[in-house]
Amino acid sequence: MKLWLLAVGQRMPRWVDEAYAEYSRRLPPETPLLLREIRAETRSSSTSAEAVMEREAQRIDAALPPGARLVALDEHGQRFTSADLADELKRWRQEGRDVALLIGGADGLALRIKQRADTLLRLSDLTLPHGLARVLLAEQLYRAHTLLTGHPYHRA
Protein backbone atom coordinates (compact mmCIF):
# COMPACT_ATOMS: atom_id res chain seq x y z
CA MET A 1 0.00 0.00 0.00
CA LYS A 2 1.21 3.47 -0.87
CA LEU A 3 0.22 6.72 0.75
CA TRP A 4 0.00 9.52 -1.80
CA LEU A 5 0.00 13.13 -0.70
CA LEU A 6 -1.60 15.13 -3.49
CA ALA A 7 -1.08 18.81 -2.80
CA VAL A 8 -2.27 21.72 -4.87
CA GLY A 9 0.60 24.16 -4.92
CA GLN A 10 4.25 24.09 -5.81
CA ARG A 11 7.45 25.84 -4.82
CA MET A 12 7.16 25.47 -1.09
CA PRO A 13 9.68 27.14 1.19
CA ARG A 14 12.77 25.06 1.85
CA TRP A 15 11.76 24.36 5.46
CA VAL A 16 8.51 22.78 4.21
CA ASP A 17 10.33 20.54 1.74
CA GLU A 18 12.90 19.52 4.36
CA ALA A 19 10.36 18.80 7.11
CA TYR A 20 8.09 16.87 4.75
CA ALA A 21 11.07 14.84 3.49
CA GLU A 22 12.15 14.05 7.06
CA TYR A 23 8.79 12.57 8.08
CA SER A 24 8.14 10.78 4.80
CA ARG A 25 11.63 9.22 5.01
CA ARG A 26 10.76 7.77 8.42
CA LEU A 27 7.84 5.72 7.13
CA PRO A 28 8.56 2.08 6.29
CA PRO A 29 9.19 0.98 2.69
CA GLU A 30 5.98 -1.07 2.68
CA THR A 31 3.97 2.12 3.36
CA PRO A 32 5.78 4.93 1.55
CA LEU A 33 4.47 8.49 1.55
CA LEU A 34 4.81 9.87 -1.97
CA LEU A 35 4.21 13.48 -2.93
CA ARG A 36 2.46 14.65 -6.08
CA GLU A 37 2.32 18.40 -6.41
CA ILE A 38 -0.52 19.77 -8.52
CA ARG A 39 -0.20 23.11 -10.21
CA ALA A 40 -2.47 25.72 -8.65
CA GLU A 41 -4.69 27.72 -10.96
CA THR A 42 -3.72 31.36 -11.39
CA ARG A 43 -6.34 33.60 -9.84
CA SER A 44 -7.47 36.84 -11.48
CA SER A 45 -10.21 39.34 -10.80
CA SER A 46 -12.18 37.94 -13.74
CA THR A 47 -12.01 34.32 -12.54
CA SER A 48 -14.41 33.07 -9.88
CA ALA A 49 -13.31 30.83 -7.02
CA GLU A 50 -15.58 28.11 -8.41
CA ALA A 51 -13.84 28.25 -11.80
CA VAL A 52 -10.43 28.08 -10.10
CA MET A 53 -11.48 25.08 -8.01
CA GLU A 54 -12.92 23.30 -11.07
CA ARG A 55 -9.70 23.73 -13.05
CA GLU A 56 -7.73 22.42 -10.09
CA ALA A 57 -10.23 19.54 -9.77
CA GLN A 58 -9.44 18.51 -13.34
CA ARG A 59 -5.74 18.35 -12.44
CA ILE A 60 -6.58 16.44 -9.25
CA ASP A 61 -8.59 13.90 -11.28
CA ALA A 62 -5.58 13.36 -13.54
CA ALA A 63 -3.20 12.96 -10.55
CA LEU A 64 -5.28 10.50 -8.52
CA PRO A 65 -3.84 6.99 -8.46
CA PRO A 66 -6.36 4.53 -9.95
CA GLY A 67 -8.44 2.72 -7.33
CA ALA A 68 -7.02 4.71 -4.42
CA ARG A 69 -9.07 5.59 -1.36
CA LEU A 70 -9.53 9.38 -1.40
CA VAL A 71 -9.09 11.29 1.85
CA ALA A 72 -9.66 15.00 1.29
CA LEU A 73 -8.64 17.61 3.81
CA ASP A 74 -11.53 19.93 4.49
CA GLU A 75 -12.40 22.40 7.23
CA HIS A 76 -15.72 20.60 7.74
CA GLY A 77 -14.21 17.12 7.81
CA GLN A 78 -14.02 14.63 10.67
CA ARG A 79 -11.79 15.45 13.61
CA PHE A 80 -9.28 12.70 14.29
CA THR A 81 -6.98 12.30 17.25
CA SER A 82 -3.56 10.82 16.60
CA ALA A 83 -4.88 7.49 17.92
CA ASP A 84 -7.89 7.73 15.56
CA LEU A 85 -5.56 8.29 12.62
CA ALA A 86 -3.50 5.28 13.70
CA ASP A 87 -6.68 3.17 13.69
CA GLU A 88 -7.50 4.46 10.19
CA LEU A 89 -3.98 3.71 8.99
CA LYS A 90 -4.34 0.17 10.31
CA ARG A 91 -7.66 -0.25 8.42
CA TRP A 92 -6.13 1.19 5.26
CA ARG A 93 -3.21 -1.25 5.48
CA GLN A 94 -5.59 -4.17 5.97
CA GLU A 95 -7.66 -3.04 3.00
CA GLY A 96 -4.53 -2.91 0.85
CA ARG A 97 -5.64 -0.10 -1.44
CA ASP A 98 -3.45 2.92 -2.01
CA VAL A 99 -4.61 6.02 -0.14
CA ALA A 100 -4.56 9.48 -1.69
CA LEU A 101 -4.57 12.30 0.86
CA LEU A 102 -5.55 15.55 -0.80
CA ILE A 103 -4.72 19.12 0.18
CA GLY A 104 -6.65 21.57 -1.97
CA GLY A 105 -5.70 24.99 -3.25
CA ALA A 106 -6.12 28.40 -1.66
CA ASP A 107 -9.86 28.41 -2.45
CA GLY A 108 -10.38 24.85 -1.23
CA LEU A 109 -11.70 21.87 -3.16
CA ALA A 110 -14.47 21.71 -5.72
CA LEU A 111 -17.69 20.25 -4.29
CA ARG A 112 -17.53 17.30 -6.68
CA ILE A 113 -14.12 16.30 -5.30
CA LYS A 114 -15.37 16.48 -1.71
CA GLN A 115 -18.45 14.43 -2.63
CA ARG A 116 -16.26 11.82 -4.30
CA ALA A 117 -13.98 11.49 -1.24
CA ASP A 118 -14.21 8.39 0.93
CA THR A 119 -13.31 10.52 3.94
CA LEU A 120 -13.19 14.23 4.71
CA LEU A 121 -10.48 14.91 7.28
CA ARG A 122 -10.03 18.05 9.35
CA LEU A 123 -6.45 18.63 10.50
CA SER A 124 -7.21 21.52 12.81
CA ASP A 125 -9.78 24.08 13.81
CA LEU A 126 -7.17 26.65 12.81
CA THR A 127 -6.59 27.73 9.24
CA LEU A 128 -3.17 26.44 8.25
CA PRO A 129 -0.92 27.51 5.39
CA HIS A 130 -0.69 24.77 2.78
CA GLY A 131 2.98 24.07 3.44
CA LEU A 132 2.38 23.64 7.13
CA ALA A 133 -0.60 21.36 6.46
CA ARG A 134 1.67 19.22 4.28
CA VAL A 135 4.24 18.90 7.08
CA LEU A 136 1.62 18.34 9.77
CA LEU A 137 -0.05 15.57 7.77
CA ALA A 138 3.29 13.82 7.10
CA GLU A 139 4.18 14.05 10.79
CA GLN A 140 0.82 12.67 11.88
CA LEU A 141 1.09 9.75 9.47
CA TYR A 142 4.51 8.97 10.91
CA ARG A 143 3.08 9.30 14.43
CA ALA A 144 0.22 6.93 13.50
CA HIS A 145 2.78 4.42 12.24
CA THR A 146 4.74 4.65 15.51
CA LEU A 147 1.56 4.11 17.52
CA LEU A 148 0.86 0.95 15.55
CA THR A 149 4.39 -0.39 16.01
CA GLY A 150 4.81 0.54 19.68
CA HIS A 151 7.64 2.96 18.95
CA PRO A 152 8.17 5.47 21.78
CA TYR A 153 7.82 8.57 19.52
CA HIS A 154 4.24 9.12 20.70
CA ARG A 155 4.24 9.64 24.45
CA ALA A 156 0.66 10.69 25.20
C-alpha atoms as a PDB file:
ATOM      1  CA  MET A   1       0.000   0.000   0.000  1.00  0.00           C
ATOM      2  CA  LYS A   2       1.208   3.468  -0.870  1.00  0.00           C
ATOM      3  CA  LEU A   3       0.215   6.723   0.752  1.00  0.00           C
ATOM      4  CA  TRP A   4       0.003   9.517  -1.799  1.00  0.00           C
ATOM      5  CA  LEU A   5      -0.004  13.130  -0.703  1.00  0.00           C
ATOM      6  CA  LEU A   6      -1.600  15.133  -3.490  1.00  0.00           C
ATOM      7  CA  ALA A   7      -1.083  18.810  -2.797  1.00  0.00           C
ATOM      8  CA  VAL A   8      -2.275  21.719  -4.873  1.00  0.00           C
ATOM      9  CA  GLY A   9       0.600  24.161  -4.922  1.00  0.00           C
ATOM     10  CA  GLN A  10       4.253  24.092  -5.808  1.00  0.00           C
ATOM     11  CA  ARG A  11       7.454  25.845  -4.819  1.00  0.00           C
ATOM     12  CA  MET A  12       7.155  25.470  -1.093  1.00  0.00           C
ATOM     13  CA  PRO A  13       9.681  27.143   1.194  1.00  0.00           C
ATOM     14  CA  ARG A  14      12.775  25.056   1.850  1.00  0.00           C
ATOM     15  CA  TRP A  15      11.760  24.362   5.456  1.00  0.00           C
ATOM     16  CA  VAL A  16       8.513  22.779   4.214  1.00  0.00           C
ATOM     17  CA  ASP A  17      10.333  20.540   1.738  1.00  0.00           C
ATOM     18  CA  GLU A  18      12.899  19.520   4.362  1.00  0.00           C
ATOM     19  CA  ALA A  19      10.360  18.801   7.108  1.00  0.00           C
ATOM     20  CA  TYR A  20       8.092  16.870   4.746  1.00  0.00           C
ATOM     21  CA  ALA A  21      11.065  14.840   3.488  1.00  0.00           C
ATOM     22  CA  GLU A  22      12.148  14.054   7.057  1.00  0.00           C
ATOM     23  CA  TYR A  23       8.793  12.571   8.078  1.00  0.00           C
ATOM     24  CA  SER A  24       8.136  10.782   4.795  1.00  0.00           C
ATOM     25  CA  ARG A  25      11.626   9.218   5.006  1.00  0.00           C
ATOM     26  CA  ARG A  26      10.763   7.767   8.422  1.00  0.00           C
ATOM     27  CA  LEU A  27       7.839   5.720   7.131  1.00  0.00           C
ATOM     28  CA  PRO A  28       8.560   2.079   6.288  1.00  0.00           C
ATOM     29  CA  PRO A  29       9.188   0.984   2.692  1.00  0.00           C
ATOM     30  CA  GLU A  30       5.978  -1.070   2.678  1.00  0.00           C
ATOM     31  CA  THR A  31       3.970   2.118   3.357  1.00  0.00           C
ATOM     32  CA  PRO A  32       5.783   4.927   1.554  1.00  0.00           C
ATOM     33  CA  LEU A  33       4.471   8.487   1.545  1.00  0.00           C
ATOM     34  CA  LEU A  34       4.808   9.868  -1.974  1.00  0.00           C
ATOM     35  CA  LEU A  35       4.210  13.479  -2.932  1.00  0.00           C
ATOM     36  CA  ARG A  36       2.456  14.648  -6.080  1.00  0.00           C
ATOM     37  CA  GLU A  37       2.317  18.395  -6.411  1.00  0.00           C
ATOM     38  CA  ILE A  38      -0.522  19.769  -8.522  1.00  0.00           C
ATOM     39  CA  ARG A  39      -0.204  23.113 -10.212  1.00  0.00           C
ATOM     40  CA  ALA A  40      -2.474  25.724  -8.646  1.00  0.00           C
ATOM     41  CA  GLU A  41      -4.689  27.717 -10.961  1.00  0.00           C
ATOM     42  CA  THR A  42      -3.725  31.355 -11.395  1.00  0.00           C
ATOM     43  CA  ARG A  43      -6.342  33.597  -9.841  1.00  0.00           C
ATOM     44  CA  SER A  44      -7.469  36.841 -11.484  1.00  0.00           C
ATOM     45  CA  SER A  45     -10.212  39.344 -10.795  1.00  0.00           C
ATOM     46  CA  SER A  46     -12.184  37.944 -13.741  1.00  0.00           C
ATOM     47  CA  THR A  47     -12.011  34.316 -12.542  1.00  0.00           C
ATOM     48  CA  SER A  48     -14.411  33.067  -9.879  1.00  0.00           C
ATOM     49  CA  ALA A  49     -13.308  30.830  -7.024  1.00  0.00           C
ATOM     50  CA  GLU A  50     -15.582  28.107  -8.409  1.00  0.00           C
ATOM     51  CA  ALA A  51     -13.839  28.249 -11.800  1.00  0.00           C
ATOM     52  CA  VAL A  52     -10.434  28.084 -10.104  1.00  0.00           C
ATOM     53  CA  MET A  53     -11.485  25.076  -8.005  1.00  0.00           C
ATOM     54  CA  GLU A  54     -12.922  23.299 -11.066  1.00  0.00           C
ATOM     55  CA  ARG A  55      -9.703  23.727 -13.054  1.00  0.00           C
ATOM     56  CA  GLU A  56      -7.732  22.416 -10.093  1.00  0.00           C
ATOM     57  CA  ALA A  57     -10.235  19.544  -9.772  1.00  0.00           C
ATOM     58  CA  GLN A  58      -9.442  18.512 -13.344  1.00  0.00           C
ATOM     59  CA  ARG A  59      -5.740  18.349 -12.438  1.00  0.00           C
ATOM     60  CA  ILE A  60      -6.584  16.440  -9.253  1.00  0.00           C
ATOM     61  CA  ASP A  61      -8.588  13.899 -11.279  1.00  0.00           C
ATOM     62  CA  ALA A  62      -5.579  13.355 -13.536  1.00  0.00           C
ATOM     63  CA  ALA A  63      -3.197  12.963 -10.554  1.00  0.00           C
ATOM     64  CA  LEU A  64      -5.278  10.497  -8.520  1.00  0.00           C
ATOM     65  CA  PRO A  65      -3.837   6.986  -8.462  1.00  0.00           C
ATOM     66  CA  PRO A  66      -6.358   4.528  -9.947  1.00  0.00           C
ATOM     67  CA  GLY A  67      -8.436   2.723  -7.332  1.00  0.00           C
ATOM     68  CA  ALA A  68      -7.023   4.708  -4.422  1.00  0.00           C
ATOM     69  CA  ARG A  69      -9.070   5.592  -1.355  1.00  0.00           C
ATOM     70  CA  LEU A  70      -9.526   9.378  -1.402  1.00  0.00           C
ATOM     71  CA  VAL A  71      -9.087  11.288   1.853  1.00  0.00           C
ATOM     72  CA  ALA A  72      -9.664  14.997   1.287  1.00  0.00           C
ATOM     73  CA  LEU A  73      -8.639  17.608   3.812  1.00  0.00           C
ATOM     74  CA  ASP A  74     -11.527  19.933   4.492  1.00  0.00           C
ATOM     75  CA  GLU A  75     -12.398  22.405   7.234  1.00  0.00           C
ATOM     76  CA  HIS A  76     -15.722  20.597   7.737  1.00  0.00           C
ATOM     77  CA  GLY A  77     -14.206  17.124   7.805  1.00  0.00           C
ATOM     78  CA  GLN A  78     -14.019  14.635  10.670  1.00  0.00           C
ATOM     79  CA  ARG A  79     -11.791  15.446  13.606  1.00  0.00           C
ATOM     80  CA  PHE A  80      -9.278  12.696  14.287  1.00  0.00           C
ATOM     81  CA  THR A  81      -6.984  12.297  17.249  1.00  0.00           C
ATOM     82  CA  SER A  82      -3.560  10.822  16.596  1.00  0.00           C
ATOM     83  CA  ALA A  83      -4.882   7.493  17.916  1.00  0.00           C
ATOM     84  CA  ASP A  84      -7.893   7.730  15.556  1.00  0.00           C
ATOM     85  CA  LEU A  85      -5.562   8.288  12.620  1.00  0.00           C
ATOM     86  CA  ALA A  86      -3.499   5.278  13.696  1.00  0.00           C
ATOM     87  CA  ASP A  87      -6.676   3.173  13.691  1.00  0.00           C
ATOM     88  CA  GLU A  88      -7.503   4.461  10.191  1.00  0.00           C
ATOM     89  CA  LEU A  89      -3.977   3.714   8.986  1.00  0.00           C
ATOM     90  CA  LYS A  90      -4.341   0.170  10.313  1.00  0.00           C
ATOM     91  CA  ARG A  91      -7.658  -0.249   8.422  1.00  0.00           C
ATOM     92  CA  TRP A  92      -6.130   1.189   5.260  1.00  0.00           C
ATOM     93  CA  ARG A  93      -3.212  -1.245   5.481  1.00  0.00           C
ATOM     94  CA  GLN A  94      -5.594  -4.170   5.974  1.00  0.00           C
ATOM     95  CA  GLU A  95      -7.657  -3.043   2.997  1.00  0.00           C
ATOM     96  CA  GLY A  96      -4.526  -2.912   0.850  1.00  0.00           C
ATOM     97  CA  ARG A  97      -5.638  -0.097  -1.444  1.00  0.00           C
ATOM     98  CA  ASP A  98      -3.445   2.919  -2.012  1.00  0.00           C
ATOM     99  CA  VAL A  99      -4.609   6.016  -0.142  1.00  0.00           C
ATOM    100  CA  ALA A 100      -4.557   9.484  -1.690  1.00  0.00           C
ATOM    101  CA  LEU A 101      -4.568  12.300   0.864  1.00  0.00           C
ATOM    102  CA  LEU A 102      -5.552  15.550  -0.804  1.00  0.00           C
ATOM    103  CA  ILE A 103      -4.718  19.123   0.184  1.00  0.00           C
ATOM    104  CA  GLY A 104      -6.649  21.569  -1.973  1.00  0.00           C
ATOM    105  CA  GLY A 105      -5.698  24.986  -3.251  1.00  0.00           C
ATOM    106  CA  ALA A 106      -6.124  28.396  -1.660  1.00  0.00           C
ATOM    107  CA  ASP A 107      -9.864  28.409  -2.454  1.00  0.00           C
ATOM    108  CA  GLY A 108     -10.382  24.847  -1.233  1.00  0.00           C
ATOM    109  CA  LEU A 109     -11.703  21.873  -3.155  1.00  0.00           C
ATOM    110  CA  ALA A 110     -14.474  21.711  -5.725  1.00  0.00           C
ATOM    111  CA  LEU A 111     -17.686  20.255  -4.295  1.00  0.00           C
ATOM    112  CA  ARG A 112     -17.525  17.296  -6.684  1.00  0.00           C
ATOM    113  CA  ILE A 113     -14.117  16.300  -5.303  1.00  0.00           C
ATOM    114  CA  LYS A 114     -15.372  16.483  -1.707  1.00  0.00           C
ATOM    115  CA  GLN A 115     -18.453  14.425  -2.627  1.00  0.00           C
ATOM    116  CA  ARG A 116     -16.257  11.820  -4.300  1.00  0.00           C
ATOM    117  CA  ALA A 117     -13.978  11.490  -1.243  1.00  0.00           C
ATOM    118  CA  ASP A 118     -14.205   8.392   0.927  1.00  0.00           C
ATOM    119  CA  THR A 119     -13.315  10.524   3.941  1.00  0.00           C
ATOM    120  CA  LEU A 120     -13.189  14.234   4.710  1.00  0.00           C
ATOM    121  CA  LEU A 121     -10.480  14.911   7.283  1.00  0.00           C
ATOM    122  CA  ARG A 122     -10.032  18.047   9.354  1.00  0.00           C
ATOM    123  CA  LEU A 123      -6.448  18.626  10.497  1.00  0.00           C
ATOM    124  CA  SER A 124      -7.209  21.520  12.815  1.00  0.00           C
ATOM    125  CA  ASP A 125      -9.783  24.078  13.812  1.00  0.00           C
ATOM    126  CA  LEU A 126      -7.172  26.649  12.812  1.00  0.00           C
ATOM    127  CA  THR A 127      -6.590  27.733   9.245  1.00  0.00           C
ATOM    128  CA  LEU A 128      -3.167  26.443   8.246  1.00  0.00           C
ATOM    129  CA  PRO A 129      -0.920  27.506   5.391  1.00  0.00           C
ATOM    130  CA  HIS A 130      -0.693  24.774   2.777  1.00  0.00           C
ATOM    131  CA  GLY A 131       2.976  24.073   3.436  1.00  0.00           C
ATOM    132  CA  LEU A 132       2.383  23.643   7.134  1.00  0.00           C
ATOM    133  CA  ALA A 133      -0.604  21.355   6.459  1.00  0.00           C
ATOM    134  CA  ARG A 134       1.672  19.222   4.277  1.00  0.00           C
ATOM    135  CA  VAL A 135       4.240  18.905   7.076  1.00  0.00           C
ATOM    136  CA  LEU A 136       1.620  18.336   9.772  1.00  0.00           C
ATOM    137  CA  LEU A 137      -0.052  15.569   7.772  1.00  0.00           C
ATOM    138  CA  ALA A 138       3.288  13.824   7.102  1.00  0.00           C
ATOM    139  CA  GLU A 139       4.184  14.051  10.794  1.00  0.00           C
ATOM    140  CA  GLN A 140       0.817  12.673  11.878  1.00  0.00           C
ATOM    141  CA  LEU A 141       1.086   9.752   9.465  1.00  0.00           C
ATOM    142  CA  TYR A 142       4.509   8.970  10.905  1.00  0.00           C
ATOM    143  CA  ARG A 143       3.078   9.297  14.426  1.00  0.00           C
ATOM    144  CA  ALA A 144       0.225   6.930  13.496  1.00  0.00           C
ATOM    145  CA  HIS A 145       2.785   4.418  12.245  1.00  0.00           C
ATOM    146  CA  THR A 146       4.739   4.655  15.514  1.00  0.00           C
ATOM    147  CA  LEU A 147       1.562   4.114  17.521  1.00  0.00           C
ATOM    148  CA  LEU A 148       0.860   0.949  15.554  1.00  0.00           C
ATOM    149  CA  THR A 149       4.389  -0.387  16.009  1.00  0.00           C
ATOM    150  CA  GLY A 150       4.809   0.538  19.682  1.00  0.00           C
ATOM    151  CA  HIS A 151       7.641   2.957  18.945  1.00  0.00           C
ATOM    152  CA  PRO A 152       8.166   5.469  21.784  1.00  0.00           C
ATOM    153  CA  TYR A 153       7.821   8.567  19.515  1.00  0.00           C
ATOM    154  CA  HIS A 154       4.237   9.123  20.700  1.00  0.00           C
ATOM    155  CA  ARG A 155       4.238   9.644  24.448  1.00  0.00           C
ATOM    156  CA  ALA A 156       0.663  10.694  25.201  1.00  0.00           C
END
